[in-house]
Amino acid sequence: MKTLIYYLGLAALFTHELDAVLNMEWRLLFHLRSLPEPVASSTFIALHLPLFFAFFYFGHHRNTKFREIFRLVVASFLIVHSALHFRLSDHDLYQFSGFLSNFYIYGSAVCGLIFILLSWKQRHASNN
């Protein structure tokens, strides 16, 4: 169940990142927003290659302890990421206003929270 929730959270994040291209999210990011539009958008997209690679590679690492720690970091990131979106939601250039956009953002955070809670429950059960 925990693994399913992790993958569901990643799927929501990856889908959000597709949506982020449509909604020009780079206009909200500190360094990218100062670049010319074609450079900023290309850089934003290109940065996702190493990011997604890390999610796949480290999320499947053969060292179980490392993999679990990485997945906890990702789950925490999903929560922080949604908090940043909430914080930026009143920005003039923020365009994530539809149901689906918000579903991907906040749905990934819910998955992150559930993953953390399940991990805590699993760890707590194994310590007893």
Protein backbone atom coordinates (compact mmCIF):
# COMPACT_ATOMS: atom_id res chain seq x y z
CA MET A 1 0.00 0.00 0.00
CA LYS A 2 2.82 2.40 0.92
CA THR A 3 4.54 1.83 -2.43
CA LEU A 4 1.27 2.40 -4.28
CA ILE A 5 0.81 5.74 -2.48
CA TYR A 6 4.40 6.74 -3.31
CA TYR A 7 3.84 6.03 -7.02
CA LEU A 8 0.49 7.80 -7.01
CA GLY A 9 2.17 10.88 -5.48
CA LEU A 10 4.89 10.78 -8.14
CA ALA A 11 2.31 10.37 -10.89
CA ALA A 12 0.43 13.42 -9.59
CA LEU A 13 3.69 15.41 -9.41
CA PHE A 14 4.76 14.39 -12.92
CA THR A 15 1.33 15.27 -14.29
CA HIS A 16 1.52 18.60 -12.47
CA GLU A 17 4.87 19.26 -14.14
CA LEU A 18 3.23 18.78 -17.55
CA ASP A 19 0.59 21.25 -16.41
CA ALA A 20 3.36 23.55 -15.15
CA VAL A 21 4.68 23.90 -18.70
CA LEU A 22 1.22 24.89 -19.93
CA ASN A 23 0.90 27.37 -17.05
CA MET A 24 4.42 28.80 -17.53
CA GLU A 25 5.56 28.09 -13.98
CA TRP A 26 9.08 29.33 -14.72
CA ARG A 27 7.68 32.87 -14.53
CA LEU A 28 7.34 32.33 -10.76
CA LEU A 29 10.84 30.93 -10.16
CA PHE A 30 13.49 33.36 -8.97
CA HIS A 31 16.32 32.89 -11.45
CA LEU A 32 14.27 31.68 -14.40
CA ARG A 33 11.86 34.60 -14.38
CA SER A 34 14.75 36.99 -15.11
CA LEU A 35 15.76 35.11 -18.27
CA PRO A 36 14.31 35.67 -21.74
CA GLU A 37 11.13 33.63 -22.23
CA PRO A 38 12.55 31.02 -24.67
CA VAL A 39 15.60 30.43 -22.47
CA ALA A 40 13.55 30.26 -19.29
CA SER A 41 11.03 27.79 -20.67
CA SER A 42 13.71 25.56 -22.22
CA THR A 43 15.74 25.61 -19.01
CA PHE A 44 12.67 24.81 -16.92
CA ILE A 45 11.91 21.78 -19.07
CA ALA A 46 15.55 20.65 -19.27
CA LEU A 47 15.94 20.74 -15.47
CA HIS A 48 13.26 18.07 -15.22
CA LEU A 49 15.46 15.47 -16.92
CA PRO A 50 17.93 15.10 -14.00
CA LEU A 51 15.11 15.60 -11.51
CA PHE A 52 12.97 12.80 -12.93
CA PHE A 53 16.04 10.60 -13.36
CA ALA A 54 16.79 11.03 -9.63
CA PHE A 55 13.21 10.11 -8.72
CA PHE A 56 13.44 6.89 -10.75
CA TYR A 57 17.01 5.91 -9.91
CA PHE A 58 17.11 6.69 -6.20
CA GLY A 59 13.49 5.70 -5.67
CA HIS A 60 14.45 2.20 -6.86
CA HIS A 61 17.90 2.03 -5.26
CA ARG A 62 18.90 -1.49 -4.28
CA ASN A 63 19.90 -0.34 -0.80
CA THR A 64 16.57 -0.58 1.02
CA LYS A 65 17.45 1.95 3.74
CA PHE A 66 18.67 4.51 1.19
CA ARG A 67 15.56 3.95 -0.97
CA GLU A 68 13.23 4.45 2.00
CA ILE A 69 15.01 7.61 3.12
CA PHE A 70 14.90 8.98 -0.43
CA ARG A 71 11.19 8.22 -0.70
CA LEU A 72 10.58 10.00 2.61
CA VAL A 73 12.45 13.02 1.25
CA VAL A 74 10.32 12.95 -1.90
CA ALA A 75 7.13 12.61 0.17
CA SER A 76 8.22 15.62 2.26
CA PHE A 77 8.99 17.54 -0.93
CA LEU A 78 5.46 16.87 -2.20
CA ILE A 79 4.07 18.57 0.90
CA VAL A 80 6.50 21.52 0.76
CA HIS A 81 5.86 21.89 -2.97
CA SER A 82 2.12 22.23 -2.38
CA ALA A 83 2.74 24.76 0.41
CA LEU A 84 4.82 26.85 -2.00
CA HIS A 85 2.01 26.72 -4.53
CA PHE A 86 -0.47 27.80 -1.90
CA ARG A 87 1.83 30.68 -0.92
CA LEU A 88 2.19 31.80 -4.55
CA SER A 89 -1.47 31.36 -5.47
CA ASP A 90 -2.21 35.09 -5.17
CA HIS A 91 0.75 36.08 -7.40
CA ASP A 92 -0.25 37.92 -10.58
CA LEU A 93 1.52 35.36 -12.79
CA TYR A 94 0.13 32.29 -11.02
CA GLN A 95 -2.09 30.38 -13.45
CA PHE A 96 -2.90 27.12 -11.63
CA SER A 97 -6.55 27.87 -10.99
CA GLY A 98 -8.52 24.94 -12.37
CA PHE A 99 -9.71 21.89 -10.51
CA LEU A 100 -7.28 19.53 -12.23
CA SER A 101 -4.26 21.80 -11.67
CA ASN A 102 -5.05 21.98 -7.98
CA PHE A 103 -5.87 18.27 -7.81
CA TYR A 104 -2.39 17.37 -9.11
CA ILE A 105 -0.64 19.78 -6.74
CA TYR A 106 -2.57 19.05 -3.56
CA GLY A 107 -3.25 15.41 -4.39
CA SER A 108 0.49 14.78 -4.53
CA ALA A 109 0.81 16.42 -1.11
CA VAL A 110 -1.90 14.19 0.34
CA CYS A 111 -0.04 11.17 -1.03
CA GLY A 112 3.18 12.47 0.51
CA LEU A 113 1.51 12.87 3.88
CA ILE A 114 -0.06 9.41 3.73
CA PHE A 115 3.29 7.90 2.74
CA ILE A 116 4.99 9.56 5.72
CA LEU A 117 2.27 8.39 8.09
CA LEU A 118 2.43 4.82 6.75
CA SER A 119 6.22 4.87 7.09
CA TRP A 120 5.94 6.10 10.66
CA LYS A 121 3.34 3.44 11.45
CA GLN A 122 5.51 0.72 9.89
CA ARG A 123 8.60 1.87 11.81
CA HIS A 124 6.62 2.16 15.05
CA ALA A 125 5.17 -1.36 14.59
CA SER A 126 8.61 -2.87 13.94
CA ASN A 127 10.04 -1.23 17.09
CA ASN A 128 7.37 -2.86 19.30
